[in-house]
């Protein structure tokens, strides 16, 4: 008699509570949390949301404005915690007061929705909101509630947190070492550093996309996108699908377009500036002027949903733009993973990617076909771009290879298997 195969299942359906500073917009944490929720709901679990900014339906969410890192009280407090080595007694008292308020709100959320598993999204790894991380840690310590802590970024990965007046809090809560927490990171470097610095084991669940579902294409709504943003049909739409912040290395995309020396080459930047000041934007504008190239900043025409903006202009989603792109530039100096890279290969677009550390270690060895640079736009880089733009057959070959690799390594199926295993570890079910 043949042995019965061991099948990993979802176990008993659970009521799962996602908690963060923000679940709204298109930032990486929000996008990945939504993907996890889709996967978990597909396994018959129920998902609920708590954050300072929310766009989830009110019947499944708990809105707590004080949980948002941009709340005036929180922003004022955070400004006193980093870049200095001591804090005043008044500052400590304020941390504790906000923490206590947030603890009460977390308990209300848990009670209101009868939460059985908590998913803290990045609030136990990156100290953008110190009181919220402390509150979450204390609630987990007091309740013993099972948690899957999803860590996208860590304190030691960001220069602005190097000098700190809250090292005592960082050691206890970012991340905490508690019973019944499954720590999840998004790349192997984070896994190794978490083990080395904190002696904590973790599982890697990379960022994913729904490769099982073919990408949307050009339809009646987005067919006019090129005309709407001021491009001709024969222009090369070179897409930079990121926020305008220093670590994205957009100056390299500007340099690439300059060196192509072709009037058809137009750089299109889809996202707005980030929360890191205006100096980088000003520098980029100077580079663009010096290069004498045409760059389209279209953040006011891109949203989460189709519609119209305040000026009555048509608004497109990012997935409306990708089908029109001829090339995607992704010259980041640092990324926790690389959502824009996955999106580009999902849509079958050739990518120019800077070999940032996570890409070099976790992605490139898998065999993706890309144009890779190392912090410099070389003559070889430019020639490779010219070749891929004019060689339709090569683009098709790259697209097929890259899509199959995405399906194998970064699909929902990958995250589904790994999430089921995390729940099995917490509950002893599903094996």
Protein backbone atom coordinates (compact mmCIF):
# COMPACT_ATOMS: atom_id res chain seq x y z
CA UNK A 1 0.00 0.00 0.00
CA UNK A 2 1.43 3.37 -1.07
CA UNK A 3 2.17 5.84 1.76
CA UNK A 4 -0.23 8.74 2.18
CA UNK A 5 1.43 11.98 1.03
CA UNK A 6 1.97 14.74 3.61
CA UNK A 7 -0.05 17.73 2.46
CA UNK A 8 0.42 21.19 3.94
CA UNK A 9 -2.97 22.80 4.51
CA UNK A 10 -4.14 26.05 6.04
CA UNK A 11 -5.36 24.59 9.32
CA UNK A 12 -8.40 25.95 11.16
CA UNK A 13 -9.45 29.37 9.77
CA UNK A 14 -8.19 32.19 11.97
CA UNK A 15 -9.10 35.82 12.59
CA UNK A 16 -5.93 37.69 11.66
CA UNK A 17 -5.20 41.29 12.64
CA UNK A 18 -2.77 43.40 10.60
CA UNK A 19 -1.31 46.35 12.55
CA UNK A 20 0.89 49.16 11.22
CA UNK A 21 1.26 52.91 11.04
CA UNK A 22 -0.37 53.05 7.61
CA UNK A 23 -2.34 50.78 5.30
CA UNK A 24 -3.06 53.24 2.56
CA UNK A 25 -1.53 54.15 -0.77
CA UNK A 26 1.14 52.28 -2.68
CA UNK A 27 4.09 52.08 -0.30
CA UNK A 28 5.82 48.70 -0.13
CA UNK A 29 4.54 47.75 3.32
CA UNK A 30 0.93 48.43 2.38
CA UNK A 31 1.20 46.57 -0.93
CA UNK A 32 2.77 43.46 0.61
CA UNK A 33 0.29 43.42 3.50
CA UNK A 34 -2.58 43.48 1.01
CA UNK A 35 -1.03 40.59 -0.90
CA UNK A 36 -0.69 38.56 2.30
CA UNK A 37 -4.31 39.30 3.13
CA UNK A 38 -5.44 38.12 -0.33
CA UNK A 39 -3.49 34.91 0.11
CA UNK A 40 -4.76 34.30 3.65
CA UNK A 41 -8.36 35.06 2.73
CA UNK A 42 -8.00 32.59 -0.12
CA UNK A 43 -7.23 30.02 2.60
CA UNK A 44 -10.49 30.98 4.40
CA UNK A 45 -8.88 33.11 7.11
CA UNK A 46 -10.46 36.50 7.94
CA UNK A 47 -8.31 39.64 7.94
CA UNK A 48 -8.75 42.86 9.92
CA UNK A 49 -6.80 46.11 9.95
CA UNK A 50 -5.56 48.68 12.46
CA UNK A 51 -3.45 51.71 11.49
CA UNK A 52 -3.15 55.48 11.66
CA UNK A 53 -4.07 55.81 7.98
CA UNK A 54 -6.47 53.28 6.49
CA UNK A 55 -8.42 52.63 3.34
CA UNK A 56 -9.90 49.30 4.44
CA UNK A 57 -13.70 49.10 4.89
CA UNK A 58 -14.77 50.32 8.35
CA UNK A 59 -16.49 47.03 9.15
CA UNK A 60 -13.09 45.26 9.18
CA UNK A 61 -10.84 48.05 10.40
CA UNK A 62 -9.94 50.11 13.47
CA UNK A 63 -8.71 53.61 12.68
CA UNK A 64 -6.32 55.11 15.26
CA UNK A 65 -4.91 58.46 14.05
CA UNK A 66 -2.22 58.43 16.77
CA UNK A 67 -0.75 55.27 15.21
CA UNK A 68 0.33 57.19 12.09
CA UNK A 69 4.00 58.15 12.02
CA UNK A 70 3.03 61.50 10.51
CA UNK A 71 0.65 62.44 13.34
CA UNK A 72 1.87 65.82 14.70
CA UNK A 73 2.41 64.51 18.24
CA UNK A 74 4.33 61.50 16.97
CA UNK A 75 6.41 63.47 14.45
CA UNK A 76 7.37 65.99 17.14
CA UNK A 77 8.36 63.21 19.52
CA UNK A 78 10.35 61.24 16.95
CA UNK A 79 12.36 64.36 16.09
CA UNK A 80 13.74 64.30 19.64
CA UNK A 81 14.80 60.65 19.57
CA UNK A 82 17.37 60.37 16.77
CA UNK A 83 20.51 62.28 15.97
CA UNK A 84 21.08 62.75 19.71
CA UNK A 85 22.35 60.39 22.41
CA UNK A 86 20.25 61.42 25.41
CA UNK A 87 16.62 62.26 25.99
CA UNK A 88 14.94 64.33 28.67
CA UNK A 89 12.73 62.92 31.37
CA UNK A 90 9.86 64.80 29.75
CA UNK A 91 10.54 62.99 26.47
CA UNK A 92 10.53 59.62 28.22
CA UNK A 93 7.22 60.47 29.87
CA UNK A 94 5.78 61.45 26.50
CA UNK A 95 6.89 58.16 24.93
CA UNK A 96 5.22 56.27 27.74
CA UNK A 97 2.02 58.32 27.54
CA UNK A 98 1.59 57.77 23.80
CA UNK A 99 2.54 54.11 24.20
CA UNK A 100 -0.19 53.68 26.83
CA UNK A 101 -2.82 55.27 24.61
CA UNK A 102 -1.84 52.98 21.75
CA UNK A 103 -1.90 49.89 23.97
CA UNK A 104 -5.50 50.67 24.84
CA UNK A 105 -6.34 50.99 21.15
CA UNK A 106 -4.61 47.70 20.29
CA UNK A 107 -6.61 45.94 23.01
CA UNK A 108 -9.82 47.50 21.64
CA UNK A 109 -8.91 46.22 18.17
CA UNK A 110 -8.17 42.72 19.47
CA UNK A 111 -11.41 42.58 21.46
CA UNK A 112 -13.61 44.15 18.79
CA UNK A 113 -12.65 41.60 16.14
CA UNK A 114 -11.74 38.67 18.40
CA UNK A 115 -8.25 38.54 16.84
CA UNK A 116 -6.43 35.19 17.07
CA UNK A 117 -3.19 36.05 15.24
CA UNK A 118 -1.45 39.43 14.92
CA UNK A 119 0.64 40.51 11.94
CA UNK A 120 2.70 43.58 12.95
CA UNK A 121 3.82 45.11 9.65
CA UNK A 122 7.26 46.72 10.00
CA UNK A 123 6.41 48.34 13.36
CA UNK A 124 8.68 45.93 15.25
CA UNK A 125 11.70 46.45 13.01
CA UNK A 126 11.90 50.07 11.82
CA UNK A 127 11.46 52.67 14.62
CA UNK A 128 9.46 55.21 12.64
CA UNK A 129 6.99 55.16 15.55
CA UNK A 130 8.76 54.14 18.76
CA UNK A 131 5.68 54.24 21.05
CA UNK A 132 3.71 52.00 18.67
CA UNK A 133 6.47 49.39 18.61
CA UNK A 134 6.66 49.46 22.41
CA UNK A 135 2.88 49.17 22.71
CA UNK A 136 2.75 46.21 20.32
CA UNK A 137 5.58 44.46 22.15
CA UNK A 138 3.94 44.89 25.55
CA UNK A 139 0.58 43.65 24.29
CA UNK A 140 2.23 40.51 22.88
CA UNK A 141 4.13 39.99 26.14
CA UNK A 142 0.95 40.40 28.20
CA UNK A 143 -1.37 38.27 26.07
CA UNK A 144 0.91 35.61 24.59
CA UNK A 145 -1.03 36.17 21.36
CA UNK A 146 0.58 34.41 18.38
CA UNK A 147 2.19 36.80 15.92
CA UNK A 148 3.82 36.75 12.51
CA UNK A 149 6.08 39.83 12.61
CA UNK A 150 6.66 40.98 9.02
CA UNK A 151 9.93 42.94 8.89
CA UNK A 152 10.61 44.97 5.73
CA UNK A 153 13.40 47.23 7.05
CA UNK A 154 15.59 47.27 10.15
CA UNK A 155 17.06 50.06 12.27
CA UNK A 156 20.62 49.20 11.27
CA UNK A 157 19.76 49.55 7.58
CA UNK A 158 18.91 53.27 7.82
CA UNK A 159 21.52 55.95 8.45
CA UNK A 160 19.07 58.29 10.17
CA UNK A 161 18.69 55.85 13.08
CA UNK A 162 22.41 55.27 13.73
CA UNK A 163 22.59 57.91 16.49
CA UNK A 164 19.80 57.37 18.98
CA UNK A 165 18.55 58.39 22.41
CA UNK A 166 16.33 55.30 22.60
CA UNK A 167 18.76 52.40 22.33
CA UNK A 168 17.11 50.87 25.41
CA UNK A 169 13.77 50.75 23.58
CA UNK A 170 15.33 49.60 20.30
CA UNK A 171 16.89 46.61 22.04
CA UNK A 172 13.65 45.51 23.65
CA UNK A 173 11.14 46.07 20.86
CA UNK A 174 12.81 46.46 17.46
CA UNK A 175 12.47 43.53 17.19
CA UNK A 176 11.36 41.85 20.43
CA UNK A 177 12.38 38.38 21.56
CA UNK A 178 9.12 36.85 22.72
CA UNK A 179 7.45 33.47 22.81
CA UNK A 180 5.08 32.67 19.91
CA UNK A 181 6.46 35.21 17.43
CA UNK A 182 7.35 34.01 13.96
CA UNK A 183 9.80 36.55 12.53
CA UNK A 184 9.59 37.01 8.75
CA UNK A 185 12.11 38.97 6.67
CA UNK A 186 12.16 39.70 2.95
CA UNK A 187 15.76 38.89 2.04
CA UNK A 188 18.68 36.71 3.11
CA UNK A 189 20.85 39.61 4.25
CA UNK A 190 18.19 40.68 6.75
CA UNK A 191 17.89 37.08 7.94
CA UNK A 192 21.63 36.83 8.61
CA UNK A 193 21.83 40.22 10.33
CA UNK A 194 18.81 39.49 12.53
CA UNK A 195 20.46 36.29 13.68
CA UNK A 196 23.84 37.94 14.19
CA UNK A 197 22.63 41.07 15.99
CA UNK A 198 19.63 39.75 17.91
CA UNK A 199 20.09 35.96 18.01
CA UNK A 200 16.63 35.58 16.47
CA UNK A 201 15.69 32.98 13.85
CA UNK A 202 13.52 34.06 10.94
CA UNK A 203 11.95 32.82 7.73
CA UNK A 204 12.35 34.55 4.37
CA UNK A 205 9.16 35.39 2.51
CA UNK A 206 10.19 37.58 -0.44
CA UNK A 207 7.94 40.20 -1.93
CA UNK A 208 5.62 38.51 -4.41
CA UNK A 209 3.27 39.17 -7.30
CA UNK A 210 0.33 37.20 -8.64
CA UNK A 211 2.27 35.58 -11.49
CA UNK A 212 -0.41 32.89 -11.70
CA UNK A 213 -2.70 35.55 -13.20
CA UNK A 214 -1.53 37.07 -16.52
CA UNK A 215 -0.87 40.84 -16.40
CA UNK A 216 -3.46 43.32 -17.67
CA UNK A 217 -2.69 44.98 -20.99
CA UNK A 218 -3.78 47.96 -23.03
CA UNK A 219 -7.54 48.48 -22.97
CA UNK A 220 -10.05 51.17 -23.88
CA UNK A 221 -9.29 53.13 -20.69
CA UNK A 222 -5.49 53.29 -20.83
CA UNK A 223 -5.07 53.26 -24.61
CA UNK A 224 -4.67 57.06 -24.67
CA UNK A 225 -2.01 57.23 -21.93
CA UNK A 226 0.88 58.24 -24.17
CA UNK A 227 -1.08 61.10 -25.68
CA UNK A 228 -2.37 62.19 -22.26
CA UNK A 229 1.15 62.51 -20.82
CA UNK A 230 2.55 64.19 -23.92
CA UNK A 231 4.33 61.34 -25.72
CA UNK A 232 4.18 60.35 -29.38
CA UNK A 233 3.39 56.78 -30.33
CA UNK A 234 6.94 56.17 -31.57
CA UNK A 235 8.63 57.65 -28.50
CA UNK A 236 10.49 55.31 -26.17
CA UNK A 237 8.68 55.39 -22.85
CA UNK A 238 11.47 54.76 -20.34
CA UNK A 239 9.71 54.24 -17.03
CA UNK A 240 11.16 55.04 -13.60
CA UNK A 241 8.40 53.52 -11.38
CA UNK A 242 9.60 54.76 -7.98
CA UNK A 243 9.35 57.61 -5.53
CA UNK A 244 11.78 60.50 -6.04
CA UNK A 245 14.17 59.88 -3.15
CA UNK A 246 18.00 59.66 -3.08
CA UNK A 247 18.31 55.90 -2.68
CA UNK A 248 16.44 55.33 -5.96
CA UNK A 249 19.42 56.65 -7.95
CA UNK A 250 17.26 58.40 -10.54
CA UNK A 251 20.22 60.50 -11.66
CA UNK A 252 21.49 57.32 -13.37
CA UNK A 253 18.25 57.08 -15.38
CA UNK A 254 18.72 60.71 -16.42
CA UNK A 255 22.30 59.97 -17.47
CA UNK A 256 21.22 56.91 -19.43
CA UNK A 257 18.62 58.84 -21.41
CA UNK A 258 21.16 61.62 -22.07
CA UNK A 259 23.70 59.16 -23.43
CA UNK A 260 21.18 57.43 -25.68
CA UNK A 261 21.23 60.66 -27.70
CA UNK A 262 17.90 59.87 -29.32
CA UNK A 263 15.00 62.35 -29.35
CA UNK A 264 12.57 59.43 -29.00
CA UNK A 265 13.91 58.58 -25.52
CA UNK A 266 11.63 60.08 -22.85
CA UNK A 267 12.02 59.40 -19.14
CA UNK A 268 8.69 59.05 -17.29
CA UNK A 269 8.71 59.23 -13.47
CA UNK A 270 5.51 57.84 -12.02
CA UNK A 271 5.72 58.62 -8.29
CA UNK A 272 6.01 61.81 -6.22
CA UNK A 273 8.88 62.87 -3.99
CA UNK A 274 9.19 61.11 -0.65
CA UNK A 275 9.47 62.43 2.90
CA UNK A 276 13.22 63.10 2.78
CA UNK A 277 13.32 66.80 1.91
CA UNK A 278 13.63 68.75 -1.34
CA UNK A 279 17.41 68.74 -1.88
CA UNK A 280 17.36 65.60 -4.03
CA UNK A 281 14.49 66.85 -6.19
CA UNK A 282 16.35 70.13 -6.78
CA UNK A 283 19.55 68.26 -7.70
CA UNK A 284 17.61 66.04 -10.10
CA UNK A 285 16.02 69.05 -11.80
CA UNK A 286 19.50 70.54 -12.32
CA UNK A 287 20.74 67.25 -13.82
CA UNK A 288 17.77 67.12 -16.18
CA UNK A 289 18.36 70.71 -17.31
CA UNK A 290 22.06 70.05 -17.89
CA UNK A 291 21.28 66.84 -19.81
CA UNK A 292 18.81 68.62 -22.09
CA UNK A 293 16.43 65.67 -22.08
CA UNK A 294 12.67 65.45 -21.76
CA UNK A 295 11.40 64.05 -18.45
CA UNK A 296 7.73 63.62 -17.60
CA UNK A 297 6.77 63.78 -13.93
CA UNK A 298 3.31 62.24 -13.91
CA UNK A 299 2.61 61.59 -10.21
CA UNK A 300 -0.51 63.78 -10.44
CA UNK A 301 -1.86 61.42 -13.14
CA UNK A 302 -1.18 58.18 -11.26
CA UNK A 303 -3.30 56.81 -8.42
CA UNK A 304 -4.38 53.60 -6.73
CA UNK A 305 -7.58 53.59 -8.78
CA UNK A 306 -8.69 54.91 -12.12
CA UNK A 307 -10.59 58.18 -11.99
CA UNK A 308 -9.93 61.91 -12.28
CA UNK A 309 -7.66 64.24 -10.31
CA UNK A 310 -8.47 67.61 -8.77
CA UNK A 311 -7.87 69.29 -12.14
CA UNK A 312 -10.37 66.98 -13.82
CA UNK A 313 -7.66 65.05 -15.65
CA UNK A 314 -7.78 61.31 -16.18
CA UNK A 315 -5.95 59.28 -13.53
CA UNK A 316 -4.25 55.98 -14.35
CA UNK A 317 -2.95 53.19 -12.15
CA UNK A 318 0.67 52.04 -12.26
CA UNK A 319 -0.58 48.89 -13.99
CA UNK A 320 -2.00 51.12 -16.75
CA UNK A 321 1.46 52.56 -17.37
CA UNK A 322 3.58 49.39 -17.49
CA UNK A 323 2.00 47.99 -20.70
CA UNK A 324 3.09 51.16 -22.54
CA UNK A 325 6.70 51.08 -21.26
CA UNK A 326 9.53 50.18 -23.64
CA UNK A 327 12.11 49.95 -20.86
CA UNK A 328 12.11 50.14 -17.05
CA UNK A 329 14.95 51.79 -15.13
CA UNK A 330 15.63 50.62 -11.59
CA UNK A 331 19.02 52.11 -10.61
CA UNK A 332 18.49 51.99 -6.83
CA UNK A 333 21.47 52.08 -4.47
CA UNK A 334 19.53 50.17 -1.82
CA UNK A 335 16.27 48.23 -1.66
CA UNK A 336 14.86 45.89 0.98
CA UNK A 337 13.71 43.74 -1.93
CA UNK A 338 12.50 45.37 -5.14
CA UNK A 339 8.80 45.56 -6.00
CA UNK A 340 9.41 47.58 -9.16
CA UNK A 341 11.72 44.84 -10.44
CA UNK A 342 9.00 42.22 -9.99
CA UNK A 343 6.43 44.48 -11.67
CA UNK A 344 8.69 45.00 -14.68
CA UNK A 345 9.22 41.27 -15.27
CA UNK A 346 5.52 40.60 -14.61
CA UNK A 347 4.72 42.92 -17.51
CA UNK A 348 7.51 41.46 -19.66
CA UNK A 349 9.55 44.66 -19.79
CA UNK A 350 13.34 44.81 -20.04
CA UNK A 351 14.98 46.29 -16.93
CA UNK A 352 18.10 48.30 -16.31
CA UNK A 353 18.93 47.48 -12.69
CA UNK A 354 21.71 48.69 -10.45
CA UNK A 355 23.29 45.73 -8.68
CA UNK A 356 22.19 46.71 -5.16
CA UNK A 357 23.12 44.22 -2.44
CA UNK A 358 19.82 42.32 -2.17
CA UNK A 359 19.52 42.04 -5.94
CA UNK A 360 23.09 40.75 -6.22
CA UNK A 361 22.63 38.19 -3.46
CA UNK A 362 19.01 37.00 -3.73
CA UNK A 363 17.73 37.80 -7.23
CA UNK A 364 20.51 37.87 -9.84
CA UNK A 365 21.70 34.28 -9.11
CA UNK A 366 18.26 32.98 -10.11
CA UNK A 367 19.02 33.70 -13.77
CA UNK A 368 16.94 36.78 -14.67
CA UNK A 369 17.85 38.45 -17.96
CA UNK A 370 18.50 42.13 -17.27
CA UNK A 371 20.84 44.98 -18.12
CA UNK A 372 22.89 45.27 -14.94
CA UNK A 373 25.01 48.23 -13.92
CA UNK A 374 27.22 48.83 -10.89
CA UNK A 375 26.67 52.46 -9.87
CA UNK A 376 27.87 53.69 -13.28
CA UNK A 377 26.17 54.12 -16.65
CA UNK A 378 28.93 52.72 -18.83
CA UNK A 379 29.29 52.59 -22.61
CA UNK A 380 28.36 48.91 -22.40
CA UNK A 381 25.17 49.75 -20.48
CA UNK A 382 24.12 52.24 -23.14
CA UNK A 383 24.84 49.81 -25.99
CA UNK A 384 22.85 47.05 -24.28
CA UNK A 385 19.91 49.42 -23.89
CA UNK A 386 20.08 50.40 -27.57
CA UNK A 387 20.13 46.72 -28.57
CA UNK A 388 17.15 45.73 -26.40
CA UNK A 389 15.11 48.71 -27.63
CA UNK A 390 15.58 47.81 -31.27
CA UNK A 391 15.55 43.99 -31.03
CA UNK A 392 11.95 42.87 -30.57
CA UNK A 393 12.83 39.16 -30.66
CA UNK A 394 15.38 39.55 -27.84
CA UNK A 395 12.83 41.44 -25.73
CA UNK A 396 10.37 38.59 -26.19
CA UNK A 397 12.96 35.97 -25.19
CA UNK A 398 13.88 37.92 -22.04
CA UNK A 399 10.23 38.42 -21.18
CA UNK A 400 9.44 34.68 -21.40
CA UNK A 401 12.49 33.67 -19.35
CA UNK A 402 11.90 36.29 -16.67
CA UNK A 403 8.19 35.55 -16.31
CA UNK A 404 8.81 31.86 -15.74
CA UNK A 405 11.43 32.65 -13.10
CA UNK A 406 9.02 35.06 -11.42
CA UNK A 407 6.36 32.34 -11.38
CA UNK A 408 8.83 29.90 -9.84
CA UNK A 409 10.37 32.10 -7.15
CA UNK A 410 8.13 35.12 -6.46
CA UNK A 411 4.53 34.05 -7.04
CA UNK A 412 1.64 33.97 -4.59
CA UNK A 413 2.13 30.20 -4.40
CA UNK A 414 5.54 30.75 -2.80
CA UNK A 415 4.16 33.10 -0.14
CA UNK A 416 1.17 30.79 0.41
CA UNK A 417 3.37 27.81 1.27
CA UNK A 418 5.55 29.85 3.59
CA UNK A 419 2.63 31.54 5.38
CA UNK A 420 0.93 28.19 5.97
CA UNK A 421 4.17 26.93 7.50
CA UNK A 422 4.34 29.96 9.83
CA UNK A 423 0.80 29.30 11.04
CA UNK A 424 1.59 25.62 11.49
CA UNK A 425 4.55 26.56 13.66
CA UNK A 426 2.34 28.76 15.82
CA UNK A 427 -0.65 26.45 16.17
CA UNK A 428 0.70 22.98 15.46
CA UNK A 429 -1.92 22.58 12.74
CA UNK A 430 -2.01 21.93 9.06
CA UNK A 431 0.63 19.21 8.69
